[in-house]
Amino acid sequence: MKQLKTVAKFSDPMRASIAKGMLESNGIEAEVFGEVSSYPSINAAEQNIKLKVNEADYESALSLLAASDKAQ
């Protein structure tokens, strides 16, 4: 099994999903964890939604996410 690293944290599941899609469209496998919660307000307060990538893709994913943030 490949080692996963958290590349970003979100409070909004939609933003996490958009970031995942952007990474995957650039050839980086990504998974969202913590998206389903009985207490959505806790996710919003603590950014419990995590976007994870394979350890080998971590630096590339960080660069893509940073470039995406600058483009907005």
N, C-alpha and C. Protein backbone atom coordinates (compact mmCIF):
# COMPACT_ATOMS: atom_id res chain seq x y z
N MET A 1 0.83 -1.19 0.00
CA MET A 1 0.00 0.00 0.00
C MET A 1 0.88 1.25 0.00
N LYS A 2 0.47 2.21 -0.78
CA LYS A 2 1.23 3.45 -0.86
C LYS A 2 0.97 4.32 0.37
N GLN A 3 1.98 5.06 0.77
CA GLN A 3 1.87 5.97 1.90
C GLN A 3 1.17 7.25 1.44
N LEU A 4 0.15 7.69 2.17
CA LEU A 4 -0.58 8.91 1.83
C LEU A 4 -0.15 10.05 2.76
N LYS A 5 -0.13 11.25 2.19
CA LYS A 5 0.18 12.45 2.97
C LYS A 5 -0.92 13.47 2.77
N THR A 6 -1.25 14.18 3.83
CA THR A 6 -2.26 15.24 3.75
C THR A 6 -1.64 16.44 3.06
N VAL A 7 -2.23 16.84 1.95
CA VAL A 7 -1.72 17.95 1.17
C VAL A 7 -2.51 19.24 1.44
N ALA A 8 -3.75 19.08 1.94
CA ALA A 8 -4.57 20.26 2.26
C ALA A 8 -5.69 19.85 3.20
N LYS A 9 -6.18 20.85 3.96
CA LYS A 9 -7.32 20.65 4.86
C LYS A 9 -8.39 21.66 4.48
N PHE A 10 -9.64 21.22 4.60
CA PHE A 10 -10.77 22.07 4.22
C PHE A 10 -11.87 21.99 5.26
N SER A 11 -12.69 23.01 5.30
CA SER A 11 -13.90 22.99 6.11
C SER A 11 -15.13 22.75 5.22
N ASP A 12 -14.96 22.94 3.92
CA ASP A 12 -16.07 22.82 2.97
C ASP A 12 -15.84 21.61 2.05
N PRO A 13 -16.73 20.61 2.08
CA PRO A 13 -16.54 19.42 1.25
C PRO A 13 -16.49 19.73 -0.24
N MET A 14 -17.20 20.76 -0.68
CA MET A 14 -17.21 21.12 -2.10
C MET A 14 -15.82 21.60 -2.54
N ARG A 15 -15.17 22.42 -1.72
CA ARG A 15 -13.83 22.91 -2.06
C ARG A 15 -12.83 21.74 -2.09
N ALA A 16 -12.99 20.80 -1.17
CA ALA A 16 -12.11 19.62 -1.17
C ALA A 16 -12.31 18.81 -2.44
N SER A 17 -13.54 18.66 -2.86
CA SER A 17 -13.85 17.91 -4.08
C SER A 17 -13.29 18.60 -5.32
N ILE A 18 -13.39 19.91 -5.36
CA ILE A 18 -12.85 20.67 -6.49
C ILE A 18 -11.33 20.51 -6.56
N ALA A 19 -10.67 20.61 -5.41
CA ALA A 19 -9.21 20.46 -5.37
C ALA A 19 -8.81 19.05 -5.79
N LYS A 20 -9.57 18.04 -5.34
CA LYS A 20 -9.29 16.66 -5.74
C LYS A 20 -9.40 16.52 -7.25
N GLY A 21 -10.45 17.06 -7.83
CA GLY A 21 -10.64 16.99 -9.28
C GLY A 21 -9.52 17.66 -10.04
N MET A 22 -9.06 18.80 -9.55
CA MET A 22 -7.97 19.51 -10.21
C MET A 22 -6.69 18.68 -10.18
N LEU A 23 -6.39 18.08 -9.03
CA LEU A 23 -5.19 17.24 -8.93
C LEU A 23 -5.31 16.03 -9.87
N GLU A 24 -6.47 15.39 -9.87
CA GLU A 24 -6.65 14.21 -10.71
C GLU A 24 -6.58 14.56 -12.19
N SER A 25 -7.06 15.75 -12.56
CA SER A 25 -6.97 16.15 -13.97
C SER A 25 -5.53 16.43 -14.39
N ASN A 26 -4.66 16.57 -13.39
CA ASN A 26 -3.23 16.75 -13.65
C ASN A 26 -2.44 15.46 -13.39
N GLY A 27 -3.14 14.34 -13.30
CA GLY A 27 -2.48 13.04 -13.19
C GLY A 27 -2.06 12.64 -11.79
N ILE A 28 -2.58 13.30 -10.76
CA ILE A 28 -2.22 12.97 -9.38
C ILE A 28 -3.44 12.34 -8.71
N GLU A 29 -3.29 11.09 -8.26
CA GLU A 29 -4.37 10.43 -7.54
C GLU A 29 -4.56 11.12 -6.19
N ALA A 30 -5.81 11.38 -5.83
CA ALA A 30 -6.11 12.06 -4.57
C ALA A 30 -7.36 11.45 -3.95
N GLU A 31 -7.43 11.52 -2.63
CA GLU A 31 -8.60 11.04 -1.89
C GLU A 31 -8.98 12.06 -0.82
N VAL A 32 -10.29 12.17 -0.59
CA VAL A 32 -10.81 13.06 0.43
C VAL A 32 -11.24 12.22 1.63
N PHE A 33 -10.82 12.61 2.82
CA PHE A 33 -11.16 11.92 4.06
C PHE A 33 -11.87 12.89 5.01
N GLY A 34 -12.84 12.37 5.77
CA GLY A 34 -13.53 13.18 6.77
C GLY A 34 -14.67 14.00 6.22
N GLU A 35 -15.09 13.68 5.02
CA GLU A 35 -16.12 14.45 4.34
C GLU A 35 -17.50 14.27 4.98
N VAL A 36 -17.77 13.08 5.47
CA VAL A 36 -19.07 12.77 6.06
C VAL A 36 -18.95 12.88 7.57
N SER A 37 -19.80 13.72 8.13
CA SER A 37 -19.78 13.92 9.57
C SER A 37 -21.19 14.13 10.08
N SER A 38 -21.45 13.65 11.26
CA SER A 38 -22.74 13.90 11.89
C SER A 38 -22.83 15.34 12.37
N TYR A 39 -21.68 15.99 12.46
CA TYR A 39 -21.60 17.36 12.96
C TYR A 39 -20.88 18.26 11.96
N PRO A 40 -21.54 18.68 10.88
CA PRO A 40 -20.87 19.48 9.86
C PRO A 40 -20.29 20.79 10.39
N SER A 41 -20.88 21.34 11.46
CA SER A 41 -20.34 22.59 12.01
C SER A 41 -18.95 22.39 12.61
N ILE A 42 -18.67 21.18 13.08
CA ILE A 42 -17.32 20.89 13.60
C ILE A 42 -16.32 20.90 12.47
N ASN A 43 -16.69 20.33 11.31
CA ASN A 43 -15.80 20.36 10.14
C ASN A 43 -15.47 21.80 9.78
N ALA A 44 -16.48 22.66 9.78
CA ALA A 44 -16.28 24.06 9.40
C ALA A 44 -15.34 24.76 10.37
N ALA A 45 -15.46 24.45 11.64
CA ALA A 45 -14.64 25.13 12.64
C ALA A 45 -13.21 24.59 12.68
N GLU A 46 -13.04 23.32 12.39
CA GLU A 46 -11.73 22.70 12.60
C GLU A 46 -11.04 22.20 11.33
N GLN A 47 -11.61 22.43 10.18
CA GLN A 47 -11.05 21.95 8.92
C GLN A 47 -10.69 20.47 9.00
N ASN A 48 -11.69 19.66 9.30
CA ASN A 48 -11.48 18.22 9.46
C ASN A 48 -11.46 17.44 8.15
N ILE A 49 -11.74 18.07 7.04
CA ILE A 49 -11.75 17.38 5.76
C ILE A 49 -10.34 17.45 5.18
N LYS A 50 -9.76 16.28 4.93
CA LYS A 50 -8.37 16.21 4.48
C LYS A 50 -8.27 15.67 3.06
N LEU A 51 -7.45 16.32 2.28
CA LEU A 51 -7.13 15.88 0.92
C LEU A 51 -5.76 15.23 0.97
N LYS A 52 -5.71 13.96 0.61
CA LYS A 52 -4.45 13.21 0.70
C LYS A 52 -4.02 12.71 -0.67
N VAL A 53 -2.71 12.66 -0.85
CA VAL A 53 -2.09 12.16 -2.08
C VAL A 53 -0.99 11.18 -1.72
N ASN A 54 -0.55 10.42 -2.71
CA ASN A 54 0.60 9.53 -2.50
C ASN A 54 1.81 10.36 -2.15
N GLU A 55 2.63 9.83 -1.27
CA GLU A 55 3.82 10.54 -0.80
C GLU A 55 4.69 11.00 -1.97
N ALA A 56 4.79 10.20 -3.02
CA ALA A 56 5.62 10.54 -4.18
C ALA A 56 5.08 11.75 -4.94
N ASP A 57 3.79 12.01 -4.84
CA ASP A 57 3.16 13.13 -5.55
C ASP A 57 2.99 14.38 -4.69
N TYR A 58 3.41 14.33 -3.46
CA TYR A 58 3.14 15.40 -2.49
C TYR A 58 3.63 16.77 -2.96
N GLU A 59 4.88 16.88 -3.35
CA GLU A 59 5.44 18.18 -3.76
C GLU A 59 4.74 18.73 -5.00
N SER A 60 4.46 17.87 -5.96
CA SER A 60 3.75 18.31 -7.17
C SER A 60 2.35 18.79 -6.83
N ALA A 61 1.69 18.07 -5.93
CA ALA A 61 0.33 18.45 -5.52
C ALA A 61 0.34 19.81 -4.82
N LEU A 62 1.32 20.01 -3.94
CA LEU A 62 1.43 21.31 -3.26
C LEU A 62 1.61 22.44 -4.27
N SER A 63 2.45 22.22 -5.25
CA SER A 63 2.70 23.25 -6.28
C SER A 63 1.44 23.56 -7.07
N LEU A 64 0.71 22.52 -7.47
CA LEU A 64 -0.52 22.72 -8.23
C LEU A 64 -1.58 23.46 -7.41
N LEU A 65 -1.72 23.08 -6.14
CA LEU A 65 -2.70 23.75 -5.29
C LEU A 65 -2.32 25.21 -5.04
N ALA A 66 -1.03 25.48 -4.87
CA ALA A 66 -0.57 26.86 -4.67
C ALA A 66 -0.83 27.69 -5.92
N ALA A 67 -0.56 27.12 -7.09
CA ALA A 67 -0.79 27.84 -8.35
C ALA A 67 -2.29 28.09 -8.54
N SER A 68 -3.11 27.14 -8.14
CA SER A 68 -4.57 27.29 -8.26
C SER A 68 -5.06 28.41 -7.35
N ASP A 69 -4.52 28.49 -6.15
CA ASP A 69 -4.91 29.56 -5.21
C ASP A 69 -4.54 30.94 -5.75
N LYS A 70 -3.39 31.03 -6.40
CA LYS A 70 -2.95 32.32 -6.97
C LYS A 70 -3.81 32.73 -8.16
N ALA A 71 -4.33 31.74 -8.88
CA ALA A 71 -5.15 32.03 -10.06
C ALA A 71 -6.53 32.56 -9.67
N GLN A 72 -6.97 32.28 -8.47
CA GLN A 72 -8.29 32.73 -8.05
C GLN A 72 -8.23 34.13 -7.66
